[in-house]
């Protein structure tokens, strides 16, 4: 959005159409970029729950699925819990 606005000189309505969002969202993103130099607010708390899986868990699940792509979810859970 920032590049569309500053470098390509598109209007908020054009950007909203390209990004499939509202004009208000475009203006919010541009305001955050102006205030913080990025499109997220540094001073807000992250939303949602913290992730339960660590990167090692995700890599293990990925290797299990590579070795056995037809593995059912419950079998995958059992493998992960056993480790």
PDB file of N, CA and C in Angstrom:
ATOM      1  N   UNK A   1       0.815  -1.184   0.000  1.00  0.00           N
ATOM      2  CA  UNK A   1       0.000   0.000   0.000  1.00  0.00           C
ATOM      3  C   UNK A   1       0.863   1.254   0.000  1.00  0.00           C
ATOM      4  N   UNK A   2       1.936   1.197   0.769  1.00  0.00           N
ATOM      5  CA  UNK A   2       2.818   2.354   0.877  1.00  0.00           C
ATOM      6  C   UNK A   2       3.472   2.650  -0.472  1.00  0.00           C
ATOM      7  N   UNK A   3       3.910   1.616  -1.146  1.00  0.00           N
ATOM      8  CA  UNK A   3       4.533   1.804  -2.461  1.00  0.00           C
ATOM      9  C   UNK A   3       3.517   2.312  -3.464  1.00  0.00           C
ATOM     10  N   UNK A   4       2.317   1.747  -3.436  1.00  0.00           N
ATOM     11  CA  UNK A   4       1.269   2.224  -4.343  1.00  0.00           C
ATOM     12  C   UNK A   4       0.978   3.701  -4.118  1.00  0.00           C
ATOM     13  N   UNK A   5       0.993   4.128  -2.842  1.00  0.00           N
ATOM     14  CA  UNK A   5       0.659   5.502  -2.506  1.00  0.00           C
ATOM     15  C   UNK A   5       1.790   6.467  -2.876  1.00  0.00           C
ATOM     16  N   UNK A   6       3.012   6.174  -2.405  1.00  0.00           N
ATOM     17  CA  UNK A   6       4.106   7.120  -2.561  1.00  0.00           C
ATOM     18  C   UNK A   6       4.822   7.035  -3.899  1.00  0.00           C
ATOM     19  N   UNK A   7       5.017   5.837  -4.415  1.00  0.00           N
ATOM     20  CA  UNK A   7       5.800   5.700  -5.645  1.00  0.00           C
ATOM     21  C   UNK A   7       4.939   5.633  -6.907  1.00  0.00           C
ATOM     22  N   UNK A   8       3.771   5.003  -6.804  1.00  0.00           N
ATOM     23  CA  UNK A   8       2.921   4.868  -7.979  1.00  0.00           C
ATOM     24  C   UNK A   8       1.796   5.898  -7.994  1.00  0.00           C
ATOM     25  N   UNK A   9       1.681   6.699  -6.929  1.00  0.00           N
ATOM     26  CA  UNK A   9       0.722   7.794  -6.820  1.00  0.00           C
ATOM     27  C   UNK A   9      -0.712   7.368  -7.101  1.00  0.00           C
ATOM     28  N   UNK A  10      -1.084   6.218  -6.545  1.00  0.00           N
ATOM     29  CA  UNK A  10      -2.458   5.745  -6.672  1.00  0.00           C
ATOM     30  C   UNK A  10      -3.321   6.376  -5.576  1.00  0.00           C
ATOM     31  N   UNK A  11      -4.610   6.482  -5.834  1.00  0.00           N
ATOM     32  CA  UNK A  11      -5.531   7.031  -4.836  1.00  0.00           C
ATOM     33  C   UNK A  11      -5.870   5.943  -3.814  1.00  0.00           C
ATOM     34  N   UNK A  12      -6.460   6.373  -2.709  1.00  0.00           N
ATOM     35  CA  UNK A  12      -6.862   5.414  -1.674  1.00  0.00           C
ATOM     36  C   UNK A  12      -7.898   4.442  -2.225  1.00  0.00           C
ATOM     37  N   UNK A  13      -8.785   4.918  -3.059  1.00  0.00           N
ATOM     38  CA  UNK A  13      -9.804   4.043  -3.647  1.00  0.00           C
ATOM     39  C   UNK A  13      -9.168   2.999  -4.556  1.00  0.00           C
ATOM     40  N   UNK A  14      -8.162   3.394  -5.329  1.00  0.00           N
ATOM     41  CA  UNK A  14      -7.465   2.432  -6.198  1.00  0.00           C
ATOM     42  C   UNK A  14      -6.721   1.394  -5.362  1.00  0.00           C
ATOM     43  N   UNK A  15      -6.059   1.847  -4.324  1.00  0.00           N
ATOM     44  CA  UNK A  15      -5.319   0.927  -3.453  1.00  0.00           C
ATOM     45  C   UNK A  15      -6.275  -0.036  -2.766  1.00  0.00           C
ATOM     46  N   UNK A  16      -7.410   0.493  -2.301  1.00  0.00           N
ATOM     47  CA  UNK A  16      -8.406  -0.361  -1.646  1.00  0.00           C
ATOM     48  C   UNK A  16      -8.897  -1.434  -2.608  1.00  0.00           C
ATOM     49  N   UNK A  17      -9.088  -1.077  -3.869  1.00  0.00           N
ATOM     50  CA  UNK A  17      -9.504  -2.067  -4.867  1.00  0.00           C
ATOM     51  C   UNK A  17      -8.434  -3.111  -5.111  1.00  0.00           C
ATOM     52  N   UNK A  18      -7.179  -2.680  -5.191  1.00  0.00           N
ATOM     53  CA  UNK A  18      -6.072  -3.622  -5.420  1.00  0.00           C
ATOM     54  C   UNK A  18      -5.862  -4.549  -4.229  1.00  0.00           C
ATOM     55  N   UNK A  19      -6.028  -4.017  -3.024  1.00  0.00           N
ATOM     56  CA  UNK A  19      -5.778  -4.803  -1.812  1.00  0.00           C
ATOM     57  C   UNK A  19      -7.033  -5.488  -1.285  1.00  0.00           C
ATOM     58  N   UNK A  20      -8.149  -5.265  -1.926  1.00  0.00           N
ATOM     59  CA  UNK A  20      -9.437  -5.832  -1.487  1.00  0.00           C
ATOM     60  C   UNK A  20      -9.745  -5.470  -0.035  1.00  0.00           C
ATOM     61  N   UNK A  21      -9.660  -4.185   0.256  1.00  0.00           N
ATOM     62  CA  UNK A  21      -9.974  -3.698   1.598  1.00  0.00           C
ATOM     63  C   UNK A  21     -10.712  -2.376   1.474  1.00  0.00           C
ATOM     64  N   UNK A  22     -11.007  -1.759   2.595  1.00  0.00           N
ATOM     65  CA  UNK A  22     -11.723  -0.482   2.584  1.00  0.00           C
ATOM     66  C   UNK A  22     -10.742   0.686   2.509  1.00  0.00           C
ATOM     67  N   UNK A  23     -11.273   1.858   2.161  1.00  0.00           N
ATOM     68  CA  UNK A  23     -10.451   3.073   2.133  1.00  0.00           C
ATOM     69  C   UNK A  23      -9.896   3.376   3.526  1.00  0.00           C
ATOM     70  N   UNK A  24     -10.700   3.119   4.555  1.00  0.00           N
ATOM     71  CA  UNK A  24     -10.276   3.387   5.935  1.00  0.00           C
ATOM     72  C   UNK A  24      -9.048   2.558   6.288  1.00  0.00           C
ATOM     73  N   UNK A  25      -9.013   1.300   5.836  1.00  0.00           N
ATOM     74  CA  UNK A  25      -7.860   0.444   6.093  1.00  0.00           C
ATOM     75  C   UNK A  25      -6.623   1.013   5.421  1.00  0.00           C
ATOM     76  N   UNK A  26      -6.774   1.504   4.204  1.00  0.00           N
ATOM     77  CA  UNK A  26      -5.647   2.108   3.481  1.00  0.00           C
ATOM     78  C   UNK A  26      -5.117   3.299   4.278  1.00  0.00           C
ATOM     79  N   UNK A  27      -6.011   4.164   4.726  1.00  0.00           N
ATOM     80  CA  UNK A  27      -5.581   5.333   5.491  1.00  0.00           C
ATOM     81  C   UNK A  27      -4.940   4.939   6.822  1.00  0.00           C
ATOM     82  N   UNK A  28      -5.446   3.894   7.466  1.00  0.00           N
ATOM     83  CA  UNK A  28      -4.841   3.414   8.711  1.00  0.00           C
ATOM     84  C   UNK A  28      -3.419   2.909   8.483  1.00  0.00           C
ATOM     85  N   UNK A  29      -3.222   2.144   7.415  1.00  0.00           N
ATOM     86  CA  UNK A  29      -1.884   1.630   7.099  1.00  0.00           C
ATOM     87  C   UNK A  29      -0.932   2.775   6.786  1.00  0.00           C
ATOM     88  N   UNK A  30      -1.387   3.753   6.023  1.00  0.00           N
ATOM     89  CA  UNK A  30      -0.539   4.895   5.689  1.00  0.00           C
ATOM     90  C   UNK A  30      -0.213   5.732   6.929  1.00  0.00           C
ATOM     91  N   UNK A  31      -1.175   5.858   7.852  1.00  0.00           N
ATOM     92  CA  UNK A  31      -0.926   6.588   9.100  1.00  0.00           C
ATOM     93  C   UNK A  31       0.124   5.864   9.942  1.00  0.00           C
ATOM     94  N   UNK A  32      -0.012   4.542  10.055  1.00  0.00           N
ATOM     95  CA  UNK A  32       0.972   3.775  10.818  1.00  0.00           C
ATOM     96  C   UNK A  32       2.360   3.896  10.204  1.00  0.00           C
ATOM     97  N   UNK A  33       2.427   3.876   8.888  1.00  0.00           N
ATOM     98  CA  UNK A  33       3.729   4.023   8.215  1.00  0.00           C
ATOM     99  C   UNK A  33       4.310   5.407   8.485  1.00  0.00           C
ATOM    100  N   UNK A  34       3.469   6.433   8.471  1.00  0.00           N
ATOM    101  CA  UNK A  34       3.940   7.789   8.734  1.00  0.00           C
ATOM    102  C   UNK A  34       4.411   7.936  10.184  1.00  0.00           C
ATOM    103  N   UNK A  35       3.663   7.359  11.134  1.00  0.00           N
ATOM    104  CA  UNK A  35       3.994   7.532  12.547  1.00  0.00           C
ATOM    105  C   UNK A  35       5.137   6.650  13.037  1.00  0.00           C
ATOM    106  N   UNK A  36       5.199   5.411  12.536  1.00  0.00           N
ATOM    107  CA  UNK A  36       6.161   4.445  13.073  1.00  0.00           C
ATOM    108  C   UNK A  36       7.200   3.964  12.060  1.00  0.00           C
ATOM    109  N   UNK A  37       7.029   4.330  10.795  1.00  0.00           N
ATOM    110  CA  UNK A  37       7.967   3.870   9.775  1.00  0.00           C
ATOM    111  C   UNK A  37       7.740   2.430   9.371  1.00  0.00           C
ATOM    112  N   UNK A  38       6.649   1.850   9.817  1.00  0.00           N
ATOM    113  CA  UNK A  38       6.253   0.496   9.444  1.00  0.00           C
ATOM    114  C   UNK A  38       4.736   0.426   9.529  1.00  0.00           C
ATOM    115  N   UNK A  39       4.171  -0.674   9.053  1.00  0.00           N
ATOM    116  CA  UNK A  39       2.713  -0.746   8.966  1.00  0.00           C
ATOM    117  C   UNK A  39       2.066  -1.434  10.161  1.00  0.00           C
ATOM    118  N   UNK A  40       2.813  -1.618  11.234  1.00  0.00           N
ATOM    119  CA  UNK A  40       2.245  -2.142  12.476  1.00  0.00           C
ATOM    120  C   UNK A  40       2.584  -1.186  13.605  1.00  0.00           C
ATOM    121  N   UNK A  41       1.728  -1.125  14.586  1.00  0.00           N
ATOM    122  CA  UNK A  41       1.945  -0.268  15.736  1.00  0.00           C
ATOM    123  C   UNK A  41       2.852  -0.988  16.729  1.00  0.00           C
ATOM    124  N   UNK A  42       3.987  -0.391  17.020  1.00  0.00           N
ATOM    125  CA  UNK A  42       4.962  -1.017  17.922  1.00  0.00           C
ATOM    126  C   UNK A  42       4.475  -1.087  19.359  1.00  0.00           C
ATOM    127  N   UNK A  43       3.506  -0.252  19.716  1.00  0.00           N
ATOM    128  CA  UNK A  43       3.112  -0.127  21.110  1.00  0.00           C
ATOM    129  C   UNK A  43       1.853  -0.910  21.471  1.00  0.00           C
ATOM    130  N   UNK A  44       1.320  -1.665  20.556  1.00  0.00           N
ATOM    131  CA  UNK A  44       0.160  -2.494  20.873  1.00  0.00           C
ATOM    132  C   UNK A  44       0.629  -3.900  21.214  1.00  0.00           C
ATOM    133  N   UNK A  45      -0.183  -4.592  21.968  1.00  0.00           N
ATOM    134  CA  UNK A  45       0.121  -5.973  22.319  1.00  0.00           C
ATOM    135  C   UNK A  45      -0.340  -6.887  21.190  1.00  0.00           C
ATOM    136  N   UNK A  46       0.381  -7.981  20.939  1.00  0.00           N
ATOM    137  CA  UNK A  46      -0.059  -8.905  19.888  1.00  0.00           C
ATOM    138  C   UNK A  46      -1.412  -9.504  20.238  1.00  0.00           C
ATOM    139  N   UNK A  47      -2.203  -9.764  19.214  1.00  0.00           N
ATOM    140  CA  UNK A  47      -3.532 -10.327  19.423  1.00  0.00           C
ATOM    141  C   UNK A  47      -3.459 -11.842  19.420  1.00  0.00           C
ATOM    142  N   UNK A  48      -4.425 -12.459  20.085  1.00  0.00           N
ATOM    143  CA  UNK A  48      -4.516 -13.910  20.075  1.00  0.00           C
ATOM    144  C   UNK A  48      -3.660 -14.553  21.147  1.00  0.00           C
ATOM    145  N   UNK A  49      -3.700 -15.840  21.154  1.00  0.00           N
ATOM    146  CA  UNK A  49      -2.945 -16.622  22.131  1.00  0.00           C
ATOM    147  C   UNK A  49      -1.529 -16.858  21.633  1.00  0.00           C
ATOM    148  N   UNK A  50      -0.585 -17.040  22.546  1.00  0.00           N
ATOM    149  CA  UNK A  50       0.770 -17.367  22.110  1.00  0.00           C
ATOM    150  C   UNK A  50       0.798 -18.744  21.438  1.00  0.00           C
ATOM    151  N   UNK A  51       1.734 -18.919  20.558  1.00  0.00           N
ATOM    152  CA  UNK A  51       1.858 -20.192  19.856  1.00  0.00           C
ATOM    153  C   UNK A  51       2.326 -21.276  20.810  1.00  0.00           C
ATOM    154  N   UNK A  52       1.717 -22.432  20.705  1.00  0.00           N
ATOM    155  CA  UNK A  52       2.083 -23.557  21.563  1.00  0.00           C
ATOM    156  C   UNK A  52       3.264 -24.312  20.960  1.00  0.00           C
ATOM    157  N   UNK A  53       3.264 -24.451  19.648  1.00  0.00           N
ATOM    158  CA  UNK A  53       4.317 -25.211  18.975  1.00  0.00           C
ATOM    159  C   UNK A  53       5.562 -24.361  18.790  1.00  0.00           C
ATOM    160  N   UNK A  54       6.684 -24.961  19.069  1.00  0.00           N
ATOM    161  CA  UNK A  54       7.965 -24.331  18.798  1.00  0.00           C
ATOM    162  C   UNK A  54       8.401 -24.705  17.387  1.00  0.00           C
ATOM    163  N   UNK A  55       9.421 -24.054  16.887  1.00  0.00           N
ATOM    164  CA  UNK A  55       9.902 -24.333  15.530  1.00  0.00           C
ATOM    165  C   UNK A  55      10.355 -25.781  15.394  1.00  0.00           C
ATOM    166  N   UNK A  56      10.961 -26.340  16.431  1.00  0.00           N
ATOM    167  CA  UNK A  56      11.402 -27.739  16.381  1.00  0.00           C
ATOM    168  C   UNK A  56      10.204 -28.674  16.227  1.00  0.00           C
ATOM    169  N   UNK A  57       9.081 -28.347  16.897  1.00  0.00           N
ATOM    170  CA  UNK A  57       7.868 -29.155  16.761  1.00  0.00           C
ATOM    171  C   UNK A  57       7.336 -29.110  15.326  1.00  0.00           C
ATOM    172  N   UNK A  58       7.338 -27.932  14.759  1.00  0.00           N
ATOM    173  CA  UNK A  58       6.841 -27.776  13.390  1.00  0.00           C
ATOM    174  C   UNK A  58       7.720 -28.540  12.414  1.00  0.00           C
ATOM    175  N   UNK A  59       9.030 -28.471  12.598  1.00  0.00           N
ATOM    176  CA  UNK A  59       9.947 -29.207  11.729  1.00  0.00           C
ATOM    177  C   UNK A  59       9.738 -30.712  11.865  1.00  0.00           C
ATOM    178  N   UNK A  60       9.482 -31.178  13.096  1.00  0.00           N
ATOM    179  CA  UNK A  60       9.225 -32.608  13.328  1.00  0.00           C
ATOM    180  C   UNK A  60       7.936 -33.037  12.623  1.00  0.00           C
ATOM    181  N   UNK A  61       6.886 -32.238  12.752  1.00  0.00           N
ATOM    182  CA  UNK A  61       5.622 -32.550  12.076  1.00  0.00           C
ATOM    183  C   UNK A  61       5.824 -32.582  10.571  1.00  0.00           C
ATOM    184  N   UNK A  62       6.581 -31.637  10.069  1.00  0.00           N
ATOM    185  CA  UNK A  62       6.855 -31.589   8.629  1.00  0.00           C
ATOM    186  C   UNK A  62       7.602 -32.837   8.167  1.00  0.00           C
ATOM    187  N   UNK A  63       8.586 -33.264   8.935  1.00  0.00           N
ATOM    188  CA  UNK A  63       9.337 -34.462   8.545  1.00  0.00           C
ATOM    189  C   UNK A  63       8.459 -35.710   8.627  1.00  0.00           C
ATOM    190  N   UNK A  64       7.564 -35.767   9.618  1.00  0.00           N
ATOM    191  CA  UNK A  64       6.635 -36.896   9.700  1.00  0.00           C
ATOM    192  C   UNK A  64       5.724 -36.948   8.479  1.00  0.00           C
ATOM    193  N   UNK A  65       5.219 -35.792   8.082  1.00  0.00           N
ATOM    194  CA  UNK A  65       4.324 -35.756   6.928  1.00  0.00           C
ATOM    195  C   UNK A  65       5.059 -36.026   5.616  1.00  0.00           C
ATOM    196  N   UNK A  66       6.328 -35.642   5.542  1.00  0.00           N
ATOM    197  CA  UNK A  66       7.110 -35.972   4.347  1.00  0.00           C
ATOM    198  C   UNK A  66       7.337 -37.475   4.251  1.00  0.00           C
ATOM    199  N   UNK A  67       7.584 -38.101   5.394  1.00  0.00           N
ATOM    200  CA  UNK A  67       7.828 -39.546   5.412  1.00  0.00           C
ATOM    201  C   UNK A  67       6.549 -40.337   5.180  1.00  0.00           C
ATOM    202  N   UNK A  68       5.411 -39.812   5.657  1.00  0.00           N
ATOM    203  CA  UNK A  68       4.141 -40.521   5.527  1.00  0.00           C
ATOM    204  C   UNK A  68       3.023 -39.511   5.262  1.00  0.00           C
ATOM    205  N   UNK A  69       2.812 -39.135   4.003  1.00  0.00           N
ATOM    206  CA  UNK A  69       1.823 -38.099   3.685  1.00  0.00           C
ATOM    207  C   UNK A  69       0.384 -38.499   3.997  1.00  0.00           C
ATOM    208  N   UNK A  70       0.085 -39.790   4.146  1.00  0.00           N
ATOM    209  CA  UNK A  70      -1.282 -40.244   4.415  1.00  0.00           C
ATOM    210  C   UNK A  70      -1.565 -40.372   5.906  1.00  0.00           C
ATOM    211  N   UNK A  71      -0.706 -39.816   6.739  1.00  0.00           N
ATOM    212  CA  UNK A  71      -0.855 -39.900   8.183  1.00  0.00           C
ATOM    213  C   UNK A  71      -2.081 -39.109   8.629  1.00  0.00           C
ATOM    214  N   UNK A  72      -2.919 -39.726   9.451  1.00  0.00           N
ATOM    215  CA  UNK A  72      -4.102 -39.055   9.978  1.00  0.00           C
ATOM    216  C   UNK A  72      -3.701 -38.114  11.106  1.00  0.00           C
ATOM    217  N   UNK A  73      -4.572 -37.150  11.353  1.00  0.00           N
ATOM    218  CA  UNK A  73      -4.269 -36.143  12.365  1.00  0.00           C
ATOM    219  C   UNK A  73      -4.079 -36.749  13.748  1.00  0.00           C
ATOM    220  N   UNK A  74      -4.923 -37.688  14.133  1.00  0.00           N
ATOM    221  CA  UNK A  74      -4.783 -38.300  15.465  1.00  0.00           C
ATOM    222  C   UNK A  74      -3.465 -39.064  15.582  1.00  0.00           C
ATOM    223  N   UNK A  75      -3.025 -39.710  14.500  1.00  0.00           N
ATOM    224  CA  UNK A  75      -1.735 -40.417  14.514  1.00  0.00           C
ATOM    225  C   UNK A  75      -0.590 -39.405  14.631  1.00  0.00           C
ATOM    226  N   UNK A  76      -0.756 -38.298  13.976  1.00  0.00           N
ATOM    227  CA  UNK A  76       0.253 -37.245  14.048  1.00  0.00           C
ATOM    228  C   UNK A  76       0.351 -36.695  15.477  1.00  0.00           C
ATOM    229  N   UNK A  77      -0.797 -36.504  16.116  1.00  0.00           N
ATOM    230  CA  UNK A  77      -0.818 -36.049  17.506  1.00  0.00           C
ATOM    231  C   UNK A  77      -0.124 -37.058  18.422  1.00  0.00           C
ATOM    232  N   UNK A  78      -0.403 -38.333  18.210  1.00  0.00           N
ATOM    233  CA  UNK A  78       0.228 -39.368  19.042  1.00  0.00           C
ATOM    234  C   UNK A  78       1.742 -39.341  18.884  1.00  0.00           C
ATOM    235  N   UNK A  79       2.202 -39.217  17.650  1.00  0.00           N
ATOM    236  CA  UNK A  79       3.653 -39.159  17.396  1.00  0.00           C
ATOM    237  C   UNK A  79       4.267 -37.952  18.096  1.00  0.00           C
ATOM    238  N   UNK A  80       3.611 -36.817  18.001  1.00  0.00           N
ATOM    239  CA  UNK A  80       4.138 -35.603  18.611  1.00  0.00           C
ATOM    240  C   UNK A  80       4.141 -35.695  20.135  1.00  0.00           C
ATOM    241  N   UNK A  81       3.082 -36.259  20.706  1.00  0.00           N
ATOM    242  CA  UNK A  81       3.029 -36.402  22.171  1.00  0.00           C
ATOM    243  C   UNK A  81       4.056 -37.405  22.682  1.00  0.00           C
ATOM    244  N   UNK A  82       4.365 -38.435  21.895  1.00  0.00           N
ATOM    245  CA  UNK A  82       5.342 -39.422  22.348  1.00  0.00           C
ATOM    246  C   UNK A  82       6.762 -38.859  22.387  1.00  0.00           C
ATOM    247  N   UNK A  83       6.999 -37.852  21.598  1.00  0.00           N
ATOM    248  CA  UNK A  83       8.328 -37.224  21.569  1.00  0.00           C
ATOM    249  C   UNK A  83       8.362 -36.118  22.605  1.00  0.00           C
TER     250      UNK A  83
END
